[in-house]
N, C-alpha and C. Protein backbone atom coordinates (compact mmCIF):
# COMPACT_ATOMS: atom_id res chain seq x y z
N UNK A 1 -6.78 -47.99 -1.51
CA UNK A 1 -8.15 -48.24 -1.93
C UNK A 1 -8.92 -46.92 -1.89
N UNK A 2 -9.78 -46.72 -2.89
CA UNK A 2 -10.58 -45.51 -2.94
C UNK A 2 -11.68 -45.55 -1.88
N UNK A 3 -12.25 -44.40 -1.64
CA UNK A 3 -13.34 -44.34 -0.66
C UNK A 3 -14.53 -45.19 -1.10
N UNK A 4 -14.83 -45.16 -2.41
CA UNK A 4 -15.95 -45.95 -2.93
C UNK A 4 -15.65 -47.44 -2.74
N UNK A 5 -14.47 -47.85 -3.10
CA UNK A 5 -14.08 -49.25 -2.95
C UNK A 5 -14.12 -49.68 -1.49
N UNK A 6 -13.69 -48.80 -0.61
CA UNK A 6 -13.69 -49.10 0.82
C UNK A 6 -15.12 -49.28 1.34
N UNK A 7 -16.01 -48.36 0.95
CA UNK A 7 -17.40 -48.46 1.43
C UNK A 7 -18.09 -49.71 0.90
N UNK A 8 -17.93 -50.00 -0.41
CA UNK A 8 -18.60 -51.18 -0.98
C UNK A 8 -18.02 -52.46 -0.39
N UNK A 9 -16.71 -52.49 -0.13
CA UNK A 9 -16.10 -53.68 0.45
C UNK A 9 -16.62 -53.95 1.86
N UNK A 10 -16.95 -52.90 2.59
CA UNK A 10 -17.45 -53.07 3.96
C UNK A 10 -18.95 -53.39 3.99
N UNK A 11 -19.67 -52.91 3.00
CA UNK A 11 -21.12 -53.15 2.98
C UNK A 11 -21.49 -54.49 2.34
N UNK A 12 -20.71 -54.93 1.38
CA UNK A 12 -21.01 -56.16 0.64
C UNK A 12 -21.22 -57.38 1.57
N UNK A 13 -20.31 -57.62 2.56
CA UNK A 13 -20.49 -58.80 3.41
C UNK A 13 -21.78 -58.77 4.24
N UNK A 14 -22.34 -57.60 4.47
CA UNK A 14 -23.57 -57.51 5.25
C UNK A 14 -24.76 -58.09 4.49
N UNK A 15 -24.73 -57.97 3.18
CA UNK A 15 -25.80 -58.51 2.35
C UNK A 15 -27.10 -57.73 2.45
N UNK A 16 -27.08 -56.55 3.02
CA UNK A 16 -28.30 -55.75 3.19
C UNK A 16 -28.61 -54.87 1.98
N UNK A 17 -27.59 -54.57 1.19
CA UNK A 17 -27.77 -53.63 0.09
C UNK A 17 -27.39 -54.26 -1.24
N UNK A 18 -28.11 -53.86 -2.26
CA UNK A 18 -27.73 -54.23 -3.62
C UNK A 18 -26.76 -53.16 -4.09
N UNK A 19 -25.55 -53.57 -4.41
CA UNK A 19 -24.52 -52.61 -4.76
C UNK A 19 -24.20 -52.60 -6.26
N UNK A 20 -25.20 -52.91 -7.08
CA UNK A 20 -25.04 -52.83 -8.53
C UNK A 20 -24.96 -51.36 -8.92
N UNK A 21 -24.26 -51.08 -10.00
CA UNK A 21 -24.04 -49.69 -10.40
C UNK A 21 -25.32 -48.95 -10.80
N UNK A 22 -26.41 -49.65 -11.04
CA UNK A 22 -27.66 -49.00 -11.42
C UNK A 22 -28.55 -48.68 -10.22
N UNK A 23 -28.17 -49.11 -9.01
CA UNK A 23 -29.06 -48.91 -7.85
C UNK A 23 -28.87 -47.53 -7.23
N UNK A 24 -29.91 -47.12 -6.50
CA UNK A 24 -29.90 -45.82 -5.82
C UNK A 24 -28.83 -45.83 -4.72
N UNK A 25 -28.69 -46.96 -4.03
CA UNK A 25 -27.69 -47.06 -2.96
C UNK A 25 -26.29 -46.84 -3.52
N UNK A 26 -26.00 -47.45 -4.65
CA UNK A 26 -24.68 -47.31 -5.27
C UNK A 26 -24.42 -45.84 -5.65
N UNK A 27 -25.43 -45.19 -6.24
CA UNK A 27 -25.28 -43.79 -6.65
C UNK A 27 -25.12 -42.89 -5.43
N UNK A 28 -25.81 -43.22 -4.34
CA UNK A 28 -25.66 -42.44 -3.11
C UNK A 28 -24.24 -42.61 -2.54
N UNK A 29 -23.75 -43.84 -2.60
CA UNK A 29 -22.39 -44.09 -2.14
C UNK A 29 -21.37 -43.34 -3.00
N UNK A 30 -21.64 -43.23 -4.30
CA UNK A 30 -20.75 -42.47 -5.19
C UNK A 30 -20.69 -41.00 -4.77
N UNK A 31 -21.85 -40.45 -4.41
CA UNK A 31 -21.88 -39.05 -3.94
C UNK A 31 -21.08 -38.89 -2.66
N UNK A 32 -21.27 -39.82 -1.73
CA UNK A 32 -20.50 -39.79 -0.48
C UNK A 32 -19.00 -39.89 -0.78
N UNK A 33 -18.65 -40.80 -1.68
CA UNK A 33 -17.24 -41.02 -2.01
C UNK A 33 -16.59 -39.76 -2.59
N UNK A 34 -17.33 -39.06 -3.46
CA UNK A 34 -16.80 -37.83 -4.04
C UNK A 34 -16.52 -36.78 -2.96
N UNK A 35 -17.46 -36.64 -2.04
CA UNK A 35 -17.28 -35.66 -0.97
C UNK A 35 -16.15 -36.07 -0.02
N UNK A 36 -16.07 -37.37 0.25
CA UNK A 36 -14.98 -37.86 1.11
C UNK A 36 -13.62 -37.63 0.45
N UNK A 37 -13.55 -37.79 -0.87
CA UNK A 37 -12.30 -37.53 -1.60
C UNK A 37 -11.91 -36.06 -1.45
N UNK A 38 -12.89 -35.17 -1.57
CA UNK A 38 -12.61 -33.73 -1.44
C UNK A 38 -12.12 -33.41 -0.03
N UNK A 39 -12.77 -33.99 0.98
CA UNK A 39 -12.34 -33.78 2.36
C UNK A 39 -10.94 -34.35 2.59
N UNK A 40 -10.70 -35.54 2.07
CA UNK A 40 -9.37 -36.18 2.22
C UNK A 40 -8.29 -35.33 1.55
N UNK A 41 -8.58 -34.78 0.38
CA UNK A 41 -7.61 -33.92 -0.30
C UNK A 41 -7.31 -32.67 0.53
N UNK A 42 -8.37 -32.10 1.10
CA UNK A 42 -8.19 -30.90 1.92
C UNK A 42 -7.39 -31.21 3.18
N UNK A 43 -7.64 -32.34 3.81
CA UNK A 43 -6.87 -32.75 5.00
C UNK A 43 -5.42 -32.99 4.63
N UNK A 44 -5.19 -33.64 3.50
CA UNK A 44 -3.83 -33.89 3.04
C UNK A 44 -3.09 -32.58 2.80
N UNK A 45 -3.77 -31.62 2.18
CA UNK A 45 -3.17 -30.31 1.94
C UNK A 45 -2.91 -29.58 3.26
N UNK A 46 -3.85 -29.67 4.19
CA UNK A 46 -3.69 -29.04 5.50
C UNK A 46 -2.47 -29.60 6.23
N UNK A 47 -2.31 -30.91 6.19
CA UNK A 47 -1.13 -31.53 6.82
C UNK A 47 0.15 -31.06 6.15
N UNK A 48 0.14 -30.99 4.83
CA UNK A 48 1.32 -30.53 4.09
C UNK A 48 1.67 -29.10 4.46
N UNK A 49 0.67 -28.24 4.56
CA UNK A 49 0.89 -26.83 4.86
C UNK A 49 1.24 -26.59 6.33
N UNK A 50 0.92 -27.51 7.21
CA UNK A 50 1.21 -27.31 8.63
C UNK A 50 2.66 -27.61 8.98
N UNK A 51 3.37 -28.30 8.10
CA UNK A 51 4.77 -28.65 8.35
C UNK A 51 5.65 -27.70 7.55
N UNK A 52 6.58 -27.05 8.23
CA UNK A 52 7.40 -26.01 7.60
C UNK A 52 8.11 -26.52 6.36
N UNK A 53 8.68 -27.72 6.42
CA UNK A 53 9.49 -28.23 5.31
C UNK A 53 8.69 -28.56 4.06
N UNK A 54 7.36 -28.70 4.19
CA UNK A 54 6.55 -29.02 3.00
C UNK A 54 5.56 -27.91 2.64
N UNK A 55 5.43 -26.92 3.49
CA UNK A 55 4.47 -25.83 3.22
C UNK A 55 4.89 -25.04 1.99
N UNK A 56 3.89 -24.66 1.20
CA UNK A 56 4.17 -23.90 -0.03
C UNK A 56 3.32 -22.65 -0.17
N UNK A 57 2.20 -22.61 0.51
CA UNK A 57 1.25 -21.53 0.28
C UNK A 57 0.86 -20.88 1.60
N UNK A 58 -0.34 -21.13 2.05
CA UNK A 58 -0.82 -20.48 3.26
C UNK A 58 -0.11 -20.96 4.51
N UNK A 59 0.50 -22.13 4.48
CA UNK A 59 1.25 -22.61 5.64
C UNK A 59 2.44 -21.72 5.94
N UNK A 60 3.19 -21.35 4.90
CA UNK A 60 4.34 -20.44 5.07
C UNK A 60 3.84 -19.10 5.60
N UNK A 61 2.75 -18.61 5.03
CA UNK A 61 2.21 -17.32 5.47
C UNK A 61 1.76 -17.36 6.94
N UNK A 62 1.19 -18.47 7.35
CA UNK A 62 0.76 -18.61 8.75
C UNK A 62 1.96 -18.63 9.70
N UNK A 63 3.03 -19.34 9.32
CA UNK A 63 4.23 -19.35 10.16
C UNK A 63 4.82 -17.95 10.24
N UNK A 64 4.84 -17.24 9.11
CA UNK A 64 5.38 -15.88 9.12
C UNK A 64 4.49 -14.95 9.94
N UNK A 65 3.20 -15.14 9.86
CA UNK A 65 2.27 -14.35 10.66
C UNK A 65 2.50 -14.61 12.15
N UNK A 66 2.78 -15.85 12.49
CA UNK A 66 3.07 -16.20 13.88
C UNK A 66 4.27 -15.42 14.40
N UNK A 67 5.29 -15.24 13.57
CA UNK A 67 6.50 -14.52 13.97
C UNK A 67 6.39 -13.03 13.68
N UNK A 68 5.32 -12.61 13.01
CA UNK A 68 5.08 -11.19 12.81
C UNK A 68 5.79 -10.56 11.63
N UNK A 69 6.29 -11.36 10.71
CA UNK A 69 6.97 -10.78 9.55
C UNK A 69 6.63 -11.59 8.31
N UNK A 70 6.25 -10.89 7.26
CA UNK A 70 5.95 -11.55 5.99
C UNK A 70 7.15 -11.32 5.08
N UNK A 71 7.73 -12.39 4.59
CA UNK A 71 8.94 -12.30 3.77
C UNK A 71 8.66 -12.72 2.34
N UNK A 72 7.69 -12.11 1.70
CA UNK A 72 7.35 -12.47 0.33
C UNK A 72 8.44 -12.06 -0.65
N UNK A 73 9.44 -11.30 -0.18
CA UNK A 73 10.55 -10.91 -1.04
C UNK A 73 11.54 -12.06 -1.26
N UNK A 74 11.39 -13.14 -0.48
CA UNK A 74 12.29 -14.29 -0.58
C UNK A 74 11.56 -15.46 -1.23
N UNK A 75 12.33 -16.38 -1.84
CA UNK A 75 11.69 -17.55 -2.42
C UNK A 75 11.28 -18.52 -1.30
N UNK A 76 10.46 -19.51 -1.64
CA UNK A 76 9.89 -20.43 -0.66
C UNK A 76 10.98 -21.15 0.14
N UNK A 77 12.03 -21.60 -0.52
CA UNK A 77 13.08 -22.34 0.18
C UNK A 77 13.74 -21.49 1.26
N UNK A 78 14.02 -20.23 0.95
CA UNK A 78 14.64 -19.34 1.93
C UNK A 78 13.67 -19.00 3.06
N UNK A 79 12.38 -18.86 2.72
CA UNK A 79 11.38 -18.58 3.76
C UNK A 79 11.26 -19.77 4.71
N UNK A 80 11.28 -20.98 4.14
CA UNK A 80 11.24 -22.18 4.99
C UNK A 80 12.47 -22.24 5.90
N UNK A 81 13.62 -21.95 5.32
CA UNK A 81 14.86 -21.99 6.09
C UNK A 81 14.82 -20.97 7.23
N UNK A 82 14.34 -19.77 6.96
CA UNK A 82 14.26 -18.74 8.01
C UNK A 82 13.32 -19.18 9.13
N UNK A 83 12.19 -19.76 8.78
CA UNK A 83 11.25 -20.23 9.80
C UNK A 83 11.86 -21.38 10.60
N UNK A 84 12.53 -22.31 9.91
CA UNK A 84 13.17 -23.44 10.59
C UNK A 84 14.25 -22.96 11.55
N UNK A 85 15.04 -21.97 11.11
CA UNK A 85 16.08 -21.43 11.99
C UNK A 85 15.47 -20.79 13.22
N UNK A 86 14.37 -20.11 13.01
CA UNK A 86 13.70 -19.46 14.15
C UNK A 86 13.12 -20.49 15.11
N UNK A 87 12.54 -21.55 14.57
CA UNK A 87 11.97 -22.60 15.42
C UNK A 87 13.05 -23.36 16.18
N UNK A 88 14.27 -23.38 15.66
CA UNK A 88 15.35 -24.10 16.32
C UNK A 88 15.86 -23.38 17.57
N UNK A 89 15.51 -22.11 17.70
CA UNK A 89 15.97 -21.33 18.85
C UNK A 89 15.05 -21.54 20.05
N UNK A 90 15.65 -21.61 21.22
CA UNK A 90 14.87 -21.78 22.45
C UNK A 90 15.30 -20.72 23.45
N UNK A 91 14.72 -20.76 24.62
CA UNK A 91 15.11 -19.85 25.69
C UNK A 91 16.53 -20.08 26.16
N UNK A 92 17.08 -21.23 25.83
CA UNK A 92 18.46 -21.55 26.22
C UNK A 92 19.46 -21.28 25.10
N UNK A 93 18.99 -20.68 24.03
CA UNK A 93 19.86 -20.36 22.90
C UNK A 93 20.54 -19.03 23.16
N UNK A 94 21.69 -19.06 23.83
CA UNK A 94 22.31 -17.79 24.20
C UNK A 94 23.81 -17.72 23.89
N UNK A 95 24.28 -18.55 22.98
CA UNK A 95 25.66 -18.42 22.54
C UNK A 95 25.73 -17.38 21.42
N UNK A 96 26.92 -16.96 21.09
CA UNK A 96 27.10 -15.98 20.01
C UNK A 96 26.55 -16.55 18.70
N UNK A 97 26.81 -17.83 18.44
CA UNK A 97 26.28 -18.46 17.22
C UNK A 97 24.75 -18.48 17.22
N UNK A 98 24.14 -18.73 18.37
CA UNK A 98 22.68 -18.72 18.47
C UNK A 98 22.13 -17.33 18.15
N UNK A 99 22.79 -16.30 18.66
CA UNK A 99 22.35 -14.93 18.40
C UNK A 99 22.49 -14.60 16.91
N UNK A 100 23.60 -15.04 16.32
CA UNK A 100 23.78 -14.82 14.88
C UNK A 100 22.69 -15.54 14.08
N UNK A 101 22.38 -16.77 14.48
CA UNK A 101 21.31 -17.52 13.80
C UNK A 101 19.96 -16.86 13.98
N UNK A 102 19.74 -16.29 15.16
CA UNK A 102 18.49 -15.56 15.40
C UNK A 102 18.34 -14.42 14.40
N UNK A 103 19.41 -13.63 14.25
CA UNK A 103 19.33 -12.50 13.32
C UNK A 103 19.24 -12.98 11.87
N UNK A 104 19.93 -14.06 11.54
CA UNK A 104 19.81 -14.63 10.19
C UNK A 104 18.37 -15.05 9.90
N UNK A 105 17.69 -15.60 10.90
CA UNK A 105 16.31 -16.02 10.69
C UNK A 105 15.39 -14.83 10.39
N UNK A 106 15.84 -13.64 10.75
CA UNK A 106 15.08 -12.42 10.46
C UNK A 106 15.58 -11.72 9.19
N UNK A 107 16.58 -12.31 8.55
CA UNK A 107 17.10 -11.73 7.32
C UNK A 107 18.23 -10.73 7.55
N UNK A 108 18.82 -10.73 8.74
CA UNK A 108 19.90 -9.80 9.06
C UNK A 108 21.18 -10.57 9.38
N UNK A 109 22.28 -10.10 8.81
CA UNK A 109 23.59 -10.70 9.10
C UNK A 109 24.24 -9.87 10.20
N UNK A 110 24.64 -10.54 11.29
CA UNK A 110 25.10 -9.80 12.46
C UNK A 110 26.54 -10.14 12.83
N UNK A 111 27.26 -9.09 13.24
CA UNK A 111 28.56 -9.24 13.91
C UNK A 111 28.31 -8.84 15.35
N UNK A 112 28.82 -9.61 16.29
CA UNK A 112 28.50 -9.39 17.69
C UNK A 112 29.76 -9.10 18.48
N UNK A 113 29.70 -8.04 19.28
CA UNK A 113 30.77 -7.71 20.21
C UNK A 113 30.16 -7.67 21.60
N UNK A 114 30.86 -8.29 22.55
CA UNK A 114 30.35 -8.35 23.91
C UNK A 114 31.22 -7.51 24.83
N UNK A 115 30.58 -6.78 25.71
CA UNK A 115 31.27 -6.05 26.77
C UNK A 115 30.83 -6.69 28.08
N UNK A 116 31.65 -7.64 28.57
CA UNK A 116 31.28 -8.42 29.75
C UNK A 116 31.19 -7.56 31.01
N UNK A 117 32.07 -6.58 31.10
CA UNK A 117 32.14 -5.77 32.32
C UNK A 117 30.89 -4.92 32.48
N UNK A 118 30.43 -4.33 31.40
CA UNK A 118 29.27 -3.44 31.47
C UNK A 118 27.96 -4.13 31.08
N UNK A 119 28.01 -5.45 30.85
CA UNK A 119 26.81 -6.21 30.44
C UNK A 119 26.14 -5.59 29.21
N UNK A 120 26.95 -5.39 28.19
CA UNK A 120 26.45 -4.80 26.95
C UNK A 120 26.72 -5.73 25.79
N UNK A 121 25.84 -5.64 24.83
CA UNK A 121 25.97 -6.43 23.62
C UNK A 121 25.84 -5.47 22.44
N UNK A 122 26.90 -5.40 21.63
CA UNK A 122 26.90 -4.54 20.45
C UNK A 122 26.69 -5.44 19.24
N UNK A 123 25.64 -5.14 18.49
CA UNK A 123 25.32 -5.96 17.32
C UNK A 123 25.33 -5.08 16.09
N UNK A 124 26.27 -5.38 15.20
CA UNK A 124 26.35 -4.63 13.94
C UNK A 124 25.69 -5.47 12.86
N UNK A 125 24.63 -4.94 12.27
CA UNK A 125 23.93 -5.60 11.17
C UNK A 125 24.66 -5.22 9.89
N UNK A 126 25.41 -6.17 9.34
CA UNK A 126 26.28 -5.85 8.20
C UNK A 126 25.53 -5.61 6.91
N UNK A 127 24.31 -6.12 6.80
CA UNK A 127 23.52 -5.87 5.59
C UNK A 127 22.40 -4.86 5.89
N UNK A 128 22.67 -3.93 6.78
CA UNK A 128 21.68 -2.95 7.21
C UNK A 128 21.11 -2.10 6.10
N UNK A 129 21.93 -1.82 5.07
CA UNK A 129 21.44 -0.99 3.97
C UNK A 129 20.36 -1.69 3.15
N UNK A 130 20.29 -3.03 3.26
CA UNK A 130 19.29 -3.80 2.51
C UNK A 130 17.97 -3.96 3.28
N UNK A 131 17.94 -3.50 4.52
CA UNK A 131 16.80 -3.75 5.40
C UNK A 131 15.96 -2.48 5.52
N UNK A 132 14.66 -2.61 5.25
CA UNK A 132 13.76 -1.46 5.32
C UNK A 132 13.59 -0.98 6.77
N UNK A 133 13.10 0.23 6.93
CA UNK A 133 12.89 0.79 8.27
C UNK A 133 11.87 -0.03 9.07
N UNK A 134 10.81 -0.48 8.40
CA UNK A 134 9.80 -1.30 9.10
C UNK A 134 10.40 -2.60 9.59
N UNK A 135 11.23 -3.24 8.77
CA UNK A 135 11.86 -4.49 9.18
C UNK A 135 12.89 -4.23 10.28
N UNK A 136 13.55 -3.09 10.24
CA UNK A 136 14.49 -2.74 11.32
C UNK A 136 13.75 -2.64 12.65
N UNK A 137 12.59 -2.00 12.63
CA UNK A 137 11.80 -1.88 13.86
C UNK A 137 11.38 -3.26 14.36
N UNK A 138 10.98 -4.10 13.43
CA UNK A 138 10.57 -5.45 13.81
C UNK A 138 11.75 -6.23 14.39
N UNK A 139 12.91 -6.16 13.72
CA UNK A 139 14.10 -6.86 14.19
C UNK A 139 14.48 -6.37 15.59
N UNK A 140 14.42 -5.06 15.79
CA UNK A 140 14.75 -4.50 17.10
C UNK A 140 13.80 -5.01 18.18
N UNK A 141 12.52 -5.04 17.88
CA UNK A 141 11.53 -5.54 18.85
C UNK A 141 11.75 -7.02 19.15
N UNK A 142 12.02 -7.79 18.11
CA UNK A 142 12.26 -9.22 18.30
C UNK A 142 13.55 -9.46 19.09
N UNK A 143 14.57 -8.63 18.85
CA UNK A 143 15.84 -8.77 19.58
C UNK A 143 15.62 -8.53 21.06
N UNK A 144 14.82 -7.54 21.40
CA UNK A 144 14.55 -7.26 22.82
C UNK A 144 13.79 -8.41 23.47
N UNK A 145 12.95 -9.08 22.70
CA UNK A 145 12.23 -10.25 23.24
C UNK A 145 13.15 -11.45 23.40
N UNK A 146 14.05 -11.65 22.45
CA UNK A 146 14.87 -12.86 22.42
C UNK A 146 16.11 -12.78 23.30
N UNK A 147 16.80 -11.66 23.25
CA UNK A 147 18.08 -11.54 23.94
C UNK A 147 17.90 -11.44 25.45
N UNK A 148 18.90 -11.86 26.22
CA UNK A 148 18.78 -11.82 27.68
C UNK A 148 18.47 -10.41 28.19
N UNK A 149 17.54 -10.32 29.12
CA UNK A 149 17.04 -9.03 29.59
C UNK A 149 18.08 -8.25 30.39
N UNK A 150 19.06 -8.92 30.97
CA UNK A 150 20.04 -8.21 31.80
C UNK A 150 21.11 -7.50 30.98
N UNK A 151 21.10 -7.70 29.65
CA UNK A 151 22.09 -7.05 28.79
C UNK A 151 21.51 -5.80 28.14
N UNK A 152 22.33 -4.77 28.09
CA UNK A 152 21.97 -3.59 27.30
C UNK A 152 22.36 -3.93 25.86
N UNK A 153 21.42 -3.80 24.94
CA UNK A 153 21.65 -4.20 23.55
C UNK A 153 21.69 -2.96 22.67
N UNK A 154 22.74 -2.87 21.85
CA UNK A 154 22.88 -1.78 20.90
C UNK A 154 22.92 -2.37 19.50
N UNK A 155 21.92 -2.02 18.69
CA UNK A 155 21.86 -2.49 17.31
C UNK A 155 22.34 -1.38 16.39
N UNK A 156 23.24 -1.73 15.50
CA UNK A 156 23.82 -0.76 14.59
C UNK A 156 23.58 -1.23 13.16
N UNK A 157 22.81 -0.45 12.40
CA UNK A 157 22.47 -0.81 11.02
C UNK A 157 23.35 -0.08 10.00
N UNK A 158 24.29 0.69 10.48
CA UNK A 158 25.14 1.46 9.55
C UNK A 158 26.03 0.54 8.74
N UNK A 159 26.54 1.07 7.63
CA UNK A 159 27.37 0.25 6.74
C UNK A 159 28.70 -0.12 7.37
N UNK A 160 29.40 0.85 7.90
CA UNK A 160 30.73 0.60 8.44
C UNK A 160 30.73 0.47 9.94
N UNK A 161 31.80 -0.07 10.47
CA UNK A 161 32.00 -0.13 11.91
C UNK A 161 33.50 -0.13 12.16
N UNK A 162 33.90 -0.24 13.40
CA UNK A 162 35.33 -0.20 13.71
C UNK A 162 36.07 -1.36 13.05
N UNK A 163 35.45 -2.50 12.95
CA UNK A 163 36.11 -3.64 12.31
C UNK A 163 36.43 -3.33 10.85
N UNK A 164 35.48 -2.68 10.18
CA UNK A 164 35.69 -2.31 8.77
C UNK A 164 36.88 -1.36 8.66
N UNK A 165 36.93 -0.37 9.55
CA UNK A 165 38.03 0.59 9.52
C UNK A 165 39.36 -0.07 9.88
N UNK A 166 39.32 -0.97 10.85
CA UNK A 166 40.55 -1.68 11.25
C UNK A 166 41.14 -2.47 10.09
N UNK A 167 40.30 -3.02 9.24
CA UNK A 167 40.78 -3.82 8.12
C UNK A 167 41.55 -2.99 7.10
N UNK A 168 41.38 -1.68 7.15
CA UNK A 168 42.08 -0.80 6.21
C UNK A 168 43.53 -0.57 6.64
N UNK A 169 43.88 -0.96 7.87
CA UNK A 169 45.24 -0.82 8.41
C UNK A 169 45.74 0.62 8.44
N UNK A 170 44.83 1.56 8.64
CA UNK A 170 45.22 2.96 8.84
C UNK A 170 45.34 3.22 10.34
N UNK A 171 46.13 4.22 10.68
CA UNK A 171 46.25 4.58 12.10
C UNK A 171 45.16 5.57 12.45
N UNK A 172 44.98 5.80 13.75
CA UNK A 172 44.01 6.80 14.21
C UNK A 172 44.38 8.17 13.66
N UNK A 173 45.68 8.48 13.66
CA UNK A 173 46.12 9.79 13.16
C UNK A 173 45.76 9.98 11.69
N UNK A 174 45.83 8.91 10.91
CA UNK A 174 45.45 9.00 9.48
C UNK A 174 43.99 9.41 9.35
N UNK A 175 43.13 8.73 10.12
CA UNK A 175 41.70 9.07 10.07
C UNK A 175 41.45 10.46 10.63
N UNK A 176 42.15 10.82 11.69
CA UNK A 176 41.96 12.12 12.32
C UNK A 176 42.35 13.23 11.36
N UNK A 177 43.41 13.01 10.59
CA UNK A 177 43.88 14.02 9.64
C UNK A 177 42.87 14.27 8.51
N UNK A 178 41.99 13.31 8.26
CA UNK A 178 40.98 13.46 7.21
C UNK A 178 39.84 14.38 7.64
N UNK A 179 39.72 14.64 8.93
CA UNK A 179 38.65 15.48 9.47
C UNK A 179 37.26 14.97 9.09
N UNK A 180 37.11 13.67 9.07
CA UNK A 180 35.83 13.06 8.73
C UNK A 180 34.96 12.91 9.97
N UNK A 181 33.68 13.07 9.78
CA UNK A 181 32.73 12.70 10.83
C UNK A 181 32.51 11.19 10.72
N UNK A 182 31.82 10.61 11.70
CA UNK A 182 31.57 9.16 11.64
C UNK A 182 30.76 8.83 10.39
N UNK A 183 29.80 9.69 10.03
CA UNK A 183 29.00 9.43 8.84
C UNK A 183 29.86 9.37 7.58
N UNK A 184 30.88 10.24 7.51
CA UNK A 184 31.76 10.21 6.35
C UNK A 184 32.68 8.98 6.40
N UNK A 185 33.14 8.64 7.60
CA UNK A 185 33.98 7.44 7.73
C UNK A 185 33.23 6.19 7.37
N UNK A 186 31.94 6.19 7.64
CA UNK A 186 31.13 5.02 7.35
C UNK A 186 31.16 4.68 5.86
N UNK A 187 31.26 5.70 5.03
CA UNK A 187 31.26 5.49 3.58
C UNK A 187 32.66 5.58 3.00
N UNK A 188 33.67 5.69 3.86
CA UNK A 188 35.06 5.82 3.40
C UNK A 188 35.53 4.52 2.76
N UNK A 189 36.13 4.62 1.63
CA UNK A 189 36.71 3.45 0.96
C UNK A 189 38.16 3.74 0.78
């Protein structure tokens, strides 16, 4: 039922007002109804924008502002997914998969190596070349906030890592004979 219909239906049984379309009371109710419709539309939009799965405009921007990163380079569906992944993480999210999901929510794909003896965590960002310096700083700051404080965390944004080199099935002597620095090995194909 419309706001106008609702108001007239509630006032009619009272018998105090003439609700004919030519009366001043009816015209005043029409003005109220128009304003109530505008307020109702705004509330409906506010509710839509406050929920990650339905937000399309300022709601997405507010969620991104809350996490400190604006991802306008991604489409709405991917932005929603990143925010949802971030919201799914808690203080108890400390498995390797949780850490990978954390980095995915920031737009980084991570390979994780753990050194249990030295309490170290090595994180290789495999898509590091696609990530700007500002986003790298943000990711690093967020990682320090999210990851357990007792671990020393090393983030590596370079293209290659030991796993990449291992997949080539070369021996150490083969690489040593090339006289490459790590920077050259990183780009070795």
